[in-house]
């Protein structure tokens, strides 16, 4: 089992490398990045003789393909759309199976804010996504797409609940990474950076597709704001959530739902603070007299939102899936609360990196049969679903599920 990890120097990439090398004991774990010193640090921190360093720019397609051909499976922890798509193209052309964690359904590229996404000039976004899918099928490649926390773990848990009901009417996935309660008081916006902040701000501004009244509908990000109390897994906390584009594949793979939306969880007060910034024009990407507001705001906020010494984070999930089973109304609720390790991985690295590693192992073992660009909710079910849930439980990431009478 030879697995290549792209973006191995980041927090999530390191968690993937550690899990593959230490827990799954892969024969070879290749690590890719542009900076040799960072890769060497990753190799040293993980330990073991199964780490192979590849200093490389993944946007160099020829070099990427040459390295990829020496591996069975690739995993991308790259932080942006441009590099993510380039890595997937290289993997497909190299003929290796691939896992990507970005909140993107590469078969249907998001048309909002391209972020320097490069595609053939004669192709629309949808044509480009279909081309990637067909090329993967032709080359016998599986791209397990968006398989981290959200998208990823959120997709397969909601997907599994849907399979338990005879008919599903409403599904809402509420998922988010937050600072610990103590750390939230030490940062503006009650927020702490655990992954690419520029992408977080993008998620707050773009239009998002949901399913409403049985049809795809476009709504503004951060709409449908709600508050809720989380009282499972020994917690009792007041939280809030709002619509974001965290599970884009569901619009296409589960079109028969009456209502579906994915919402980001935050500490109470965050939504109003971001709304104020939006109303002041500070999340705009339009050129003002001397600057573009959002990159400027991101640069100003980033040092203030970085973890301070002793800060930890948490990742939270609260999904509700409502429908009918055996003629009776049912509601399946799913809960997860994971906390970062004070001297180890952040929770965001754990709940994103460990599912990605599990997905790579399943691909390496030939357990996922579909070819093309495949959404998690279609690829992971039955035996493979139980494998992922069991592996996460071994790492103290526990899912609680309750089935109650519906209203």
Protein backbone atom coordinates (compact mmCIF):
# COMPACT_ATOMS: atom_id res chain seq x y z
CA UNK A 1 0.00 0.00 0.00
CA UNK A 2 1.76 3.12 -1.33
CA UNK A 3 -0.05 6.40 -0.71
CA UNK A 4 0.98 9.93 -1.71
CA UNK A 5 -0.12 12.96 0.34
CA UNK A 6 -0.16 16.38 -1.35
CA UNK A 7 -0.11 19.44 0.89
CA UNK A 8 1.57 17.33 3.57
CA UNK A 9 3.07 20.34 5.36
CA UNK A 10 -0.23 21.79 6.56
CA UNK A 11 -2.01 20.80 9.76
CA UNK A 12 -4.50 18.54 8.00
CA UNK A 13 -1.86 17.06 5.71
CA UNK A 14 0.30 16.15 8.71
CA UNK A 15 -2.63 14.34 10.34
CA UNK A 16 -3.21 12.32 7.16
CA UNK A 17 0.48 11.38 6.93
CA UNK A 18 0.64 10.41 10.61
CA UNK A 19 -2.49 8.26 10.39
CA UNK A 20 -1.36 6.44 7.25
CA UNK A 21 2.18 5.85 8.50
CA UNK A 22 1.54 5.09 12.16
CA UNK A 23 -1.95 3.55 12.35
CA UNK A 24 -2.41 1.93 8.94
CA UNK A 25 1.32 1.19 8.55
CA UNK A 26 1.31 1.89 4.82
CA UNK A 27 4.32 0.45 3.01
CA UNK A 28 5.20 3.89 1.67
CA UNK A 29 3.76 7.32 2.47
CA UNK A 30 5.01 9.92 -0.01
CA UNK A 31 4.77 13.52 1.14
CA UNK A 32 4.62 16.41 -1.33
CA UNK A 33 5.20 20.12 -0.81
CA UNK A 34 7.21 23.04 -2.12
CA UNK A 35 9.40 23.62 0.96
CA UNK A 36 11.94 20.92 1.74
CA UNK A 37 12.50 22.00 5.35
CA UNK A 38 8.79 21.66 6.14
CA UNK A 39 8.63 18.20 4.53
CA UNK A 40 11.68 17.10 6.49
CA UNK A 41 10.03 18.31 9.68
CA UNK A 42 6.89 16.30 8.85
CA UNK A 43 9.00 13.21 8.19
CA UNK A 44 10.91 13.63 11.45
CA UNK A 45 7.79 14.26 13.54
CA UNK A 46 5.98 11.22 12.15
CA UNK A 47 9.02 8.96 12.29
CA UNK A 48 9.42 5.59 10.65
CA UNK A 49 11.18 4.43 7.52
CA UNK A 50 8.10 4.45 5.32
CA UNK A 51 8.11 8.24 4.65
CA UNK A 52 9.44 9.42 1.26
CA UNK A 53 9.91 13.15 0.62
CA UNK A 54 9.02 14.74 -2.75
CA UNK A 55 9.82 18.44 -2.98
CA UNK A 56 7.59 19.63 -5.81
CA UNK A 57 5.13 22.24 -7.04
CA UNK A 58 1.93 20.30 -7.75
CA UNK A 59 0.98 22.78 -10.47
CA UNK A 60 3.87 21.33 -12.53
CA UNK A 61 1.70 18.64 -14.11
CA UNK A 62 4.55 16.65 -15.70
CA UNK A 63 6.46 16.42 -12.41
CA UNK A 64 3.30 15.61 -10.47
CA UNK A 65 2.39 12.78 -12.85
CA UNK A 66 5.89 11.34 -12.72
CA UNK A 67 5.73 11.12 -8.92
CA UNK A 68 2.10 9.91 -8.82
CA UNK A 69 2.83 6.92 -11.07
CA UNK A 70 4.89 5.43 -8.25
CA UNK A 71 1.88 5.25 -5.91
CA UNK A 72 -1.42 3.40 -5.61
CA UNK A 73 -3.49 6.27 -4.20
CA UNK A 74 -3.11 10.02 -3.81
CA UNK A 75 -4.64 12.26 -1.14
CA UNK A 76 -4.95 16.02 -1.50
CA UNK A 77 -4.87 18.35 1.50
CA UNK A 78 -4.29 21.34 -0.79
CA UNK A 79 -5.98 24.54 0.39
CA UNK A 80 -7.45 26.10 -2.76
CA UNK A 81 -9.44 25.30 -5.87
CA UNK A 82 -6.69 26.02 -8.41
CA UNK A 83 -4.21 23.51 -6.99
CA UNK A 84 -6.94 21.00 -6.13
CA UNK A 85 -8.17 20.74 -9.71
CA UNK A 86 -4.63 20.54 -11.09
CA UNK A 87 -3.84 17.69 -8.70
CA UNK A 88 -7.00 15.80 -9.69
CA UNK A 89 -6.20 16.23 -13.39
CA UNK A 90 -2.69 14.87 -12.83
CA UNK A 91 -4.02 11.91 -10.82
CA UNK A 92 -6.59 11.01 -13.48
CA UNK A 93 -4.00 11.18 -16.26
CA UNK A 94 -1.57 9.14 -14.12
CA UNK A 95 -4.18 6.45 -13.55
CA UNK A 96 -4.12 6.50 -9.73
CA UNK A 97 -7.11 6.67 -7.41
CA UNK A 98 -7.41 9.89 -5.45
CA UNK A 99 -9.01 11.48 -2.37
CA UNK A 100 -9.66 15.23 -2.19
CA UNK A 101 -10.84 17.07 0.94
CA UNK A 102 -11.83 20.46 -0.54
CA UNK A 103 -15.43 21.62 -0.14
CA UNK A 104 -16.00 21.22 -3.85
CA UNK A 105 -17.83 18.70 -6.01
CA UNK A 106 -15.33 18.57 -8.85
CA UNK A 107 -17.92 17.07 -11.19
CA UNK A 108 -19.90 20.32 -10.84
CA UNK A 109 -17.35 23.12 -10.28
CA UNK A 110 -18.71 26.07 -8.34
CA UNK A 111 -19.24 29.04 -10.66
CA UNK A 112 -18.95 31.56 -7.79
CA UNK A 113 -15.59 33.33 -7.32
CA UNK A 114 -13.23 31.23 -9.44
CA UNK A 115 -10.20 31.70 -7.16
CA UNK A 116 -7.90 31.44 -10.20
CA UNK A 117 -9.41 28.10 -11.20
CA UNK A 118 -7.94 27.18 -14.57
CA UNK A 119 -9.99 25.19 -17.05
CA UNK A 120 -9.87 24.72 -20.84
CA UNK A 121 -11.01 27.90 -22.56
CA UNK A 122 -13.57 26.06 -24.68
CA UNK A 123 -15.30 24.45 -21.69
CA UNK A 124 -17.89 25.81 -19.29
CA UNK A 125 -17.59 24.93 -15.62
CA UNK A 126 -20.08 22.07 -16.02
CA UNK A 127 -18.41 20.78 -19.20
CA UNK A 128 -15.05 20.80 -17.41
CA UNK A 129 -16.47 18.82 -14.49
CA UNK A 130 -18.07 16.29 -16.84
CA UNK A 131 -14.79 15.98 -18.73
CA UNK A 132 -12.90 15.19 -15.51
CA UNK A 133 -15.53 12.58 -14.61
CA UNK A 134 -15.43 10.91 -18.02
CA UNK A 135 -11.62 10.92 -18.19
CA UNK A 136 -11.52 9.25 -14.77
CA UNK A 137 -13.93 6.55 -15.95
CA UNK A 138 -11.91 6.00 -19.13
CA UNK A 139 -8.71 5.61 -17.09
CA UNK A 140 -10.32 3.37 -14.46
CA UNK A 141 -9.78 5.99 -11.74
CA UNK A 142 -11.89 6.70 -8.66
CA UNK A 143 -11.80 10.24 -7.28
CA UNK A 144 -13.33 10.11 -3.80
CA UNK A 145 -14.42 13.71 -3.80
CA UNK A 146 -14.77 16.02 -0.80
CA UNK A 147 -13.91 13.44 1.83
CA UNK A 148 -12.88 15.24 4.99
CA UNK A 149 -15.18 16.65 7.69
CA UNK A 150 -17.63 18.79 5.73
CA UNK A 151 -17.84 17.70 3.04
CA UNK A 152 -17.01 14.12 3.89
CA UNK A 153 -18.04 12.84 7.29
CA UNK A 154 -21.18 14.99 7.11
CA UNK A 155 -22.07 13.48 3.71
CA UNK A 156 -21.71 9.85 4.73
CA UNK A 157 -23.56 10.21 8.04
CA UNK A 158 -26.53 12.00 6.47
CA UNK A 159 -26.40 9.56 3.56
CA UNK A 160 -26.49 6.59 5.93
CA UNK A 161 -29.48 8.01 7.82
CA UNK A 162 -31.33 8.53 4.55
CA UNK A 163 -30.89 4.83 3.74
CA UNK A 164 -32.55 3.89 7.05
CA UNK A 165 -35.82 5.64 6.16
CA UNK A 166 -38.40 4.64 3.58
CA UNK A 167 -38.94 8.24 2.58
CA UNK A 168 -36.97 11.34 3.53
CA UNK A 169 -38.47 14.82 3.51
CA UNK A 170 -35.93 17.09 5.21
CA UNK A 171 -32.22 16.80 5.89
CA UNK A 172 -30.09 19.49 7.51
CA UNK A 173 -26.40 18.97 8.19
CA UNK A 174 -25.01 21.32 10.82
CA UNK A 175 -21.23 21.11 10.96
CA UNK A 176 -18.45 23.44 12.06
CA UNK A 177 -15.06 24.04 13.60
CA UNK A 178 -14.97 26.41 16.57
CA UNK A 179 -12.45 27.43 19.23
CA UNK A 180 -12.88 25.97 22.68
CA UNK A 181 -15.24 28.08 24.77
CA UNK A 182 -12.30 29.54 26.70
CA UNK A 183 -10.34 30.32 23.53
CA UNK A 184 -13.38 31.94 21.87
CA UNK A 185 -13.27 34.72 24.47
CA UNK A 186 -9.69 35.56 23.50
CA UNK A 187 -10.32 36.10 19.78
CA UNK A 188 -12.35 38.56 17.68
CA UNK A 189 -15.53 37.10 16.16
CA UNK A 190 -15.32 34.25 18.72
CA UNK A 191 -13.40 32.43 16.00
CA UNK A 192 -9.98 30.85 15.57
CA UNK A 193 -8.25 29.86 12.32
CA UNK A 194 -7.87 26.10 11.87
CA UNK A 195 -7.86 26.02 8.06
CA UNK A 196 -7.56 28.41 5.07
CA UNK A 197 -9.19 31.63 6.32
CA UNK A 198 -9.56 33.20 2.86
CA UNK A 199 -11.75 30.24 1.94
CA UNK A 200 -13.86 30.71 5.09
CA UNK A 201 -14.56 34.31 4.07
CA UNK A 202 -15.44 33.15 0.56
CA UNK A 203 -17.99 30.75 2.04
CA UNK A 204 -19.63 33.67 3.84
CA UNK A 205 -20.20 35.63 0.62
CA UNK A 206 -21.10 33.37 -2.28
CA UNK A 207 -24.55 32.23 -3.33
CA UNK A 208 -25.34 28.68 -2.26
CA UNK A 209 -27.55 26.00 -3.75
CA UNK A 210 -29.95 24.20 -1.43
CA UNK A 211 -33.04 22.08 -2.08
CA UNK A 212 -36.29 23.81 -1.16
CA UNK A 213 -39.80 22.63 -2.00
CA UNK A 214 -38.18 19.74 -3.85
CA UNK A 215 -36.21 21.95 -6.24
CA UNK A 216 -32.66 23.34 -6.39
CA UNK A 217 -32.78 26.91 -5.11
CA UNK A 218 -30.06 29.53 -4.82
CA UNK A 219 -29.86 31.48 -1.56
CA UNK A 220 -27.27 33.85 -0.04
CA UNK A 221 -24.61 32.35 2.20
CA UNK A 222 -25.29 32.90 5.92
CA UNK A 223 -29.06 32.87 5.42
CA UNK A 224 -31.50 30.67 7.42
CA UNK A 225 -29.70 31.57 10.65
CA UNK A 226 -30.78 29.47 13.65
CA UNK A 227 -29.69 28.86 17.23
CA UNK A 228 -29.72 25.52 19.02
CA UNK A 229 -28.56 23.91 22.24
CA UNK A 230 -26.10 21.00 22.00
CA UNK A 231 -26.66 18.64 24.94
CA UNK A 232 -24.99 15.38 23.90
CA UNK A 233 -21.59 13.83 24.65
CA UNK A 234 -21.39 15.54 28.02
CA UNK A 235 -21.85 19.06 26.62
CA UNK A 236 -24.44 21.76 27.21
CA UNK A 237 -23.70 24.69 24.91
CA UNK A 238 -25.66 27.34 23.04
CA UNK A 239 -24.58 27.51 19.40
CA UNK A 240 -25.75 28.99 16.12
CA UNK A 241 -25.57 28.00 12.46
CA UNK A 242 -26.31 29.33 8.98
CA UNK A 243 -26.24 28.13 5.38
CA UNK A 244 -22.85 27.61 3.69
CA UNK A 245 -21.70 25.57 0.65
CA UNK A 246 -20.13 22.72 2.67
CA UNK A 247 -21.81 19.73 0.95
CA UNK A 248 -22.19 20.73 -2.72
CA UNK A 249 -22.59 17.20 -4.10
CA UNK A 250 -25.88 16.56 -2.26
CA UNK A 251 -27.87 18.80 -4.60
CA UNK A 252 -27.01 16.42 -7.44
CA UNK A 253 -26.88 13.04 -5.69
CA UNK A 254 -30.02 13.37 -3.54
CA UNK A 255 -32.37 15.49 -5.70
CA UNK A 256 -35.53 13.80 -4.36
CA UNK A 257 -35.32 15.50 -0.97
CA UNK A 258 -38.01 18.03 -0.18
CA UNK A 259 -35.50 20.18 1.70
CA UNK A 260 -31.74 20.00 2.15
CA UNK A 261 -29.18 22.50 3.42
CA UNK A 262 -25.74 22.40 4.99
CA UNK A 263 -25.07 24.90 7.77
CA UNK A 264 -21.88 26.02 9.47
CA UNK A 265 -21.82 25.95 13.29
CA UNK A 266 -20.33 28.84 15.26
CA UNK A 267 -20.48 30.24 18.81
CA UNK A 268 -23.42 32.58 19.34
CA UNK A 269 -22.56 36.12 18.29
CA UNK A 270 -20.35 35.22 15.32
CA UNK A 271 -23.15 35.50 12.76
CA UNK A 272 -24.07 39.05 13.81
CA UNK A 273 -20.43 40.16 13.80
CA UNK A 274 -19.92 38.84 10.24
CA UNK A 275 -23.19 40.42 9.12
CA UNK A 276 -21.91 43.78 10.33
CA UNK A 277 -18.66 43.35 8.37
CA UNK A 278 -20.67 42.41 5.27
CA UNK A 279 -22.96 45.42 5.64
CA UNK A 280 -19.89 47.66 5.87
CA UNK A 281 -18.58 46.25 2.58
CA UNK A 282 -15.50 44.69 4.16
CA UNK A 283 -16.06 41.26 2.61
CA UNK A 284 -16.38 42.60 -0.91
CA UNK A 285 -13.98 41.56 -3.67
CA UNK A 286 -14.64 44.76 -5.65
CA UNK A 287 -11.72 47.15 -6.02
CA UNK A 288 -12.19 50.22 -3.86
CA UNK A 289 -10.13 53.40 -4.24
CA UNK A 290 -6.87 51.85 -3.04
CA UNK A 291 -7.56 48.23 -2.10
CA UNK A 292 -9.82 45.18 -2.35
CA UNK A 293 -11.60 44.93 1.05
CA UNK A 294 -11.74 41.17 1.68
CA UNK A 295 -8.02 40.31 1.22
CA UNK A 296 -7.18 43.38 3.30
CA UNK A 297 -9.58 42.31 6.05
CA UNK A 298 -8.20 38.77 5.93
CA UNK A 299 -4.65 40.06 6.33
CA UNK A 300 -5.66 42.24 9.29
CA UNK A 301 -7.67 39.53 11.03
CA UNK A 302 -5.39 36.54 10.45
CA UNK A 303 -2.78 37.31 13.15
CA UNK A 304 -5.58 38.11 15.62
CA UNK A 305 -7.38 34.82 14.90
CA UNK A 306 -4.38 32.50 15.02
CA UNK A 307 -4.32 30.14 18.01
CA UNK A 308 -2.59 31.51 21.09
CA UNK A 309 -0.55 29.35 23.42
CA UNK A 310 -2.85 26.87 25.14
CA UNK A 311 -5.78 27.43 22.74
CA UNK A 312 -7.60 24.35 21.50
CA UNK A 313 -10.45 23.87 19.06
CA UNK A 314 -13.54 21.70 18.71
CA UNK A 315 -15.47 20.29 15.77
CA UNK A 316 -19.21 19.86 16.14
CA UNK A 317 -21.88 18.07 14.14
CA UNK A 318 -25.64 18.08 14.64
CA UNK A 319 -27.64 16.59 11.75
CA UNK A 320 -31.40 16.07 11.54
CA UNK A 321 -32.96 13.78 8.93
CA UNK A 322 -36.75 13.67 8.91
CA UNK A 323 -38.97 11.24 7.05
CA UNK A 324 -41.13 8.11 7.23
CA UNK A 325 -40.27 4.56 8.27
CA UNK A 326 -42.83 1.73 8.36
CA UNK A 327 -45.58 4.31 7.92
CA UNK A 328 -44.50 6.34 10.94
CA UNK A 329 -42.88 9.78 11.05
CA UNK A 330 -39.26 9.55 12.20
CA UNK A 331 -36.41 11.95 12.93
CA UNK A 332 -32.83 10.69 13.03
CA UNK A 333 -30.48 13.03 14.88
CA UNK A 334 -26.69 12.70 14.71
CA UNK A 335 -24.21 14.29 17.10
CA UNK A 336 -20.43 14.65 17.26
CA UNK A 337 -18.21 16.78 19.47
CA UNK A 338 -14.47 16.35 19.07
CA UNK A 339 -11.77 18.41 20.80
CA UNK A 340 -8.23 19.18 19.73
CA UNK A 341 -5.21 17.80 21.54
CA UNK A 342 -3.37 20.48 23.61
CA UNK A 343 0.03 19.24 22.39
CA UNK A 344 -1.05 17.40 19.28
CA UNK A 345 -3.44 17.66 16.35
CA UNK A 346 -6.21 20.23 16.19
CA UNK A 347 -9.72 18.82 16.09
CA UNK A 348 -10.10 20.16 12.56
CA UNK A 349 -7.00 18.21 11.50
CA UNK A 350 -8.35 15.07 13.21
CA UNK A 351 -11.90 15.07 11.81
CA UNK A 352 -10.74 16.10 8.33
CA UNK A 353 -7.48 14.18 8.03
CA UNK A 354 -8.52 10.86 9.58
CA UNK A 355 -11.57 10.31 7.28
CA UNK A 356 -9.36 11.19 4.28
CA UNK A 357 -6.78 8.62 5.39
CA UNK A 358 -9.50 5.99 5.83
CA UNK A 359 -10.80 6.77 2.34
CA UNK A 360 -7.32 6.34 0.89
CA UNK A 361 -6.97 2.95 2.59
CA UNK A 362 -10.34 1.80 1.23
CA UNK A 363 -9.25 2.80 -2.27
CA UNK A 364 -5.92 1.03 -1.86
CA UNK A 365 -7.76 -2.12 -0.74
CA UNK A 366 -10.12 -1.98 -3.73
CA UNK A 367 -13.18 -1.62 -1.49
CA UNK A 368 -14.68 1.30 -3.47
CA UNK A 369 -15.77 0.07 -6.90
CA UNK A 370 -17.30 3.14 -8.57
CA UNK A 371 -15.20 4.96 -11.15
CA UNK A 372 -15.14 8.64 -12.00
CA UNK A 373 -15.63 11.59 -9.66
CA UNK A 374 -17.66 9.99 -6.86
CA UNK A 375 -19.38 11.81 -3.99
CA UNK A 376 -18.81 10.40 -0.45
CA UNK A 377 -22.50 9.64 0.11
CA UNK A 378 -22.44 7.34 -2.95
CA UNK A 379 -19.03 5.76 -2.34
CA UNK A 380 -19.23 5.00 1.39
CA UNK A 381 -22.05 2.71 2.54
CA UNK A 382 -22.55 -0.58 4.31
CA UNK A 383 -19.21 -2.24 5.05
CA UNK A 384 -17.13 0.77 4.02
CA UNK A 385 -19.27 3.11 6.14
CA UNK A 386 -18.80 0.91 9.19
CA UNK A 387 -15.05 0.78 8.53
CA UNK A 388 -14.79 4.58 8.58
CA UNK A 389 -16.96 4.97 11.70
CA UNK A 390 -15.03 2.24 13.54
CA UNK A 391 -11.65 3.72 12.62
CA UNK A 392 -12.74 7.16 13.83
CA UNK A 393 -14.00 5.65 17.09
CA UNK A 394 -10.53 4.15 17.65
CA UNK A 395 -9.24 7.74 17.45
CA UNK A 396 -11.85 9.00 19.97
CA UNK A 397 -14.06 10.60 17.33
CA UNK A 398 -17.48 9.31 18.33
CA UNK A 399 -20.78 9.62 16.46
CA UNK A 400 -24.02 9.43 18.48
CA UNK A 401 -27.21 8.69 16.56
CA UNK A 402 -30.77 8.76 17.89
CA UNK A 403 -33.99 7.79 16.14
CA UNK A 404 -37.11 9.42 17.58
CA UNK A 405 -40.72 9.87 16.51
CA UNK A 406 -41.05 12.74 14.05
CA UNK A 407 -43.43 15.67 14.31
